[in-house]
């Protein structure tokens, strides 16, 4: 993927993860939302690795 696309994807994932964590801390989240949060964290981790690889190439 293009480095700019990866950076934008990373920003969006961070923003969404932050919002979910704030909601979880304030009110709690459902089991389904928790699974969605875990998936977003995995995607962010993968995107970070792809971004690092793109920067070194």
N, C-alpha and C. Protein backbone atom coordinates (compact mmCIF):
# COMPACT_ATOMS: atom_id res chain seq x y z
N UNK A 1 0.83 -1.19 0.00
CA UNK A 1 0.00 0.00 0.00
C UNK A 1 0.87 1.25 0.00
N UNK A 2 0.32 2.31 -0.49
CA UNK A 2 0.99 3.61 -0.52
C UNK A 2 1.21 4.10 0.92
N UNK A 3 2.35 4.73 1.15
CA UNK A 3 2.69 5.21 2.50
C UNK A 3 1.66 6.21 3.02
N UNK A 4 1.17 7.09 2.15
CA UNK A 4 0.17 8.08 2.58
C UNK A 4 -1.12 7.40 3.01
N UNK A 5 -1.51 6.36 2.30
CA UNK A 5 -2.73 5.61 2.63
C UNK A 5 -2.55 4.93 3.98
N UNK A 6 -1.38 4.35 4.20
CA UNK A 6 -1.11 3.69 5.47
C UNK A 6 -1.12 4.68 6.63
N UNK A 7 -0.56 5.85 6.41
CA UNK A 7 -0.55 6.87 7.46
C UNK A 7 -1.97 7.32 7.80
N UNK A 8 -2.78 7.52 6.77
CA UNK A 8 -4.18 7.94 7.00
C UNK A 8 -4.95 6.84 7.71
N UNK A 9 -4.74 5.59 7.30
CA UNK A 9 -5.41 4.46 7.93
C UNK A 9 -5.03 4.37 9.41
N UNK A 10 -3.75 4.59 9.69
CA UNK A 10 -3.26 4.56 11.06
C UNK A 10 -3.92 5.65 11.90
N UNK A 11 -4.02 6.85 11.33
CA UNK A 11 -4.66 7.97 12.05
C UNK A 11 -6.11 7.66 12.37
N UNK A 12 -6.84 7.11 11.40
CA UNK A 12 -8.25 6.79 11.62
C UNK A 12 -8.42 5.70 12.67
N UNK A 13 -7.58 4.68 12.60
CA UNK A 13 -7.66 3.61 13.59
C UNK A 13 -7.36 4.15 14.99
N UNK A 14 -6.35 4.99 15.12
CA UNK A 14 -6.02 5.56 16.43
C UNK A 14 -7.18 6.38 16.98
N UNK A 15 -7.80 7.17 16.11
CA UNK A 15 -8.93 8.01 16.53
C UNK A 15 -10.09 7.13 16.99
N UNK A 16 -10.42 6.11 16.21
CA UNK A 16 -11.54 5.22 16.56
C UNK A 16 -11.25 4.42 17.84
N UNK A 17 -10.02 3.96 17.98
CA UNK A 17 -9.64 3.22 19.18
C UNK A 17 -9.75 4.12 20.40
N UNK A 18 -9.27 5.35 20.27
CA UNK A 18 -9.35 6.31 21.38
C UNK A 18 -10.80 6.54 21.80
N UNK A 19 -11.69 6.75 20.82
CA UNK A 19 -13.10 6.97 21.13
C UNK A 19 -13.72 5.77 21.84
N UNK A 20 -13.38 4.58 21.39
CA UNK A 20 -13.92 3.37 22.02
C UNK A 20 -13.40 3.22 23.45
N UNK A 21 -12.12 3.53 23.67
CA UNK A 21 -11.55 3.42 25.01
C UNK A 21 -12.17 4.43 25.96
N UNK A 22 -12.41 5.64 25.48
CA UNK A 22 -13.07 6.66 26.31
C UNK A 22 -14.47 6.18 26.68
N UNK A 23 -15.20 5.66 25.70
CA UNK A 23 -16.55 5.15 25.97
C UNK A 23 -16.50 4.00 26.97
N UNK A 24 -15.53 3.10 26.80
CA UNK A 24 -15.40 1.97 27.72
C UNK A 24 -15.11 2.44 29.13
N UNK A 25 -14.23 3.44 29.27
CA UNK A 25 -13.87 3.95 30.60
C UNK A 25 -15.03 4.68 31.26
N UNK A 26 -15.87 5.35 30.46
CA UNK A 26 -16.96 6.13 31.04
C UNK A 26 -18.21 5.29 31.30
N UNK A 27 -18.57 4.44 30.35
CA UNK A 27 -19.85 3.74 30.45
C UNK A 27 -19.75 2.23 30.29
N UNK A 28 -18.60 1.75 29.87
CA UNK A 28 -18.47 0.35 29.53
C UNK A 28 -18.93 0.12 28.10
N UNK A 29 -18.48 -0.97 27.51
CA UNK A 29 -18.90 -1.31 26.15
C UNK A 29 -19.38 -2.75 26.12
N UNK A 30 -20.19 -3.05 25.12
CA UNK A 30 -20.74 -4.40 25.00
C UNK A 30 -19.63 -5.38 24.59
N UNK A 31 -19.95 -6.64 24.71
CA UNK A 31 -18.99 -7.68 24.32
C UNK A 31 -18.66 -7.57 22.83
N UNK A 32 -19.68 -7.27 22.02
CA UNK A 32 -19.48 -7.12 20.58
C UNK A 32 -18.56 -5.93 20.29
N UNK A 33 -18.78 -4.80 20.98
CA UNK A 33 -17.93 -3.64 20.80
C UNK A 33 -16.50 -3.93 21.25
N UNK A 34 -16.35 -4.71 22.31
CA UNK A 34 -15.03 -5.08 22.79
C UNK A 34 -14.29 -5.92 21.74
N UNK A 35 -14.99 -6.83 21.10
CA UNK A 35 -14.38 -7.64 20.05
C UNK A 35 -13.98 -6.75 18.87
N UNK A 36 -14.83 -5.78 18.54
CA UNK A 36 -14.53 -4.83 17.46
C UNK A 36 -13.29 -4.00 17.82
N UNK A 37 -13.20 -3.57 19.07
CA UNK A 37 -12.04 -2.81 19.55
C UNK A 37 -10.76 -3.63 19.40
N UNK A 38 -10.82 -4.89 19.81
CA UNK A 38 -9.64 -5.76 19.69
C UNK A 38 -9.22 -5.92 18.23
N UNK A 39 -10.19 -6.03 17.32
CA UNK A 39 -9.88 -6.15 15.90
C UNK A 39 -9.21 -4.88 15.38
N UNK A 40 -9.71 -3.72 15.81
CA UNK A 40 -9.09 -2.46 15.38
C UNK A 40 -7.66 -2.35 15.89
N UNK A 41 -7.40 -2.81 17.10
CA UNK A 41 -6.04 -2.79 17.65
C UNK A 41 -5.13 -3.69 16.83
N UNK A 42 -5.62 -4.86 16.43
CA UNK A 42 -4.82 -5.75 15.58
C UNK A 42 -4.53 -5.10 14.24
N UNK A 43 -5.53 -4.44 13.65
CA UNK A 43 -5.33 -3.76 12.37
C UNK A 43 -4.32 -2.64 12.50
N UNK A 44 -4.37 -1.89 13.61
CA UNK A 44 -3.41 -0.81 13.84
C UNK A 44 -2.00 -1.39 13.94
N UNK A 45 -1.85 -2.50 14.64
CA UNK A 45 -0.55 -3.15 14.78
C UNK A 45 -0.01 -3.57 13.41
N UNK A 46 -0.86 -4.19 12.61
CA UNK A 46 -0.46 -4.63 11.27
C UNK A 46 -0.11 -3.42 10.39
N UNK A 47 -0.93 -2.39 10.46
CA UNK A 47 -0.69 -1.18 9.66
C UNK A 47 0.63 -0.53 10.05
N UNK A 48 0.94 -0.55 11.34
CA UNK A 48 2.20 0.03 11.82
C UNK A 48 3.39 -0.72 11.21
N UNK A 49 3.30 -2.04 11.17
CA UNK A 49 4.38 -2.83 10.56
C UNK A 49 4.50 -2.54 9.07
N UNK A 50 3.37 -2.46 8.38
CA UNK A 50 3.39 -2.15 6.95
C UNK A 50 3.97 -0.77 6.70
N UNK A 51 3.63 0.18 7.56
CA UNK A 51 4.13 1.54 7.42
C UNK A 51 5.65 1.58 7.65
N UNK A 52 6.12 0.87 8.64
CA UNK A 52 7.56 0.81 8.89
C UNK A 52 8.29 0.19 7.70
N UNK A 53 7.72 -0.85 7.11
CA UNK A 53 8.33 -1.49 5.94
C UNK A 53 8.33 -0.54 4.75
N UNK A 54 7.26 0.22 4.58
CA UNK A 54 7.17 1.17 3.47
C UNK A 54 8.19 2.28 3.62
N UNK A 55 8.47 2.68 4.84
CA UNK A 55 9.43 3.77 5.08
C UNK A 55 10.86 3.31 4.82
N UNK A 56 11.14 2.03 5.06
CA UNK A 56 12.51 1.54 4.89
C UNK A 56 12.82 1.16 3.44
N UNK A 57 11.80 1.04 2.62
CA UNK A 57 12.02 0.67 1.22
C UNK A 57 12.41 1.86 0.38
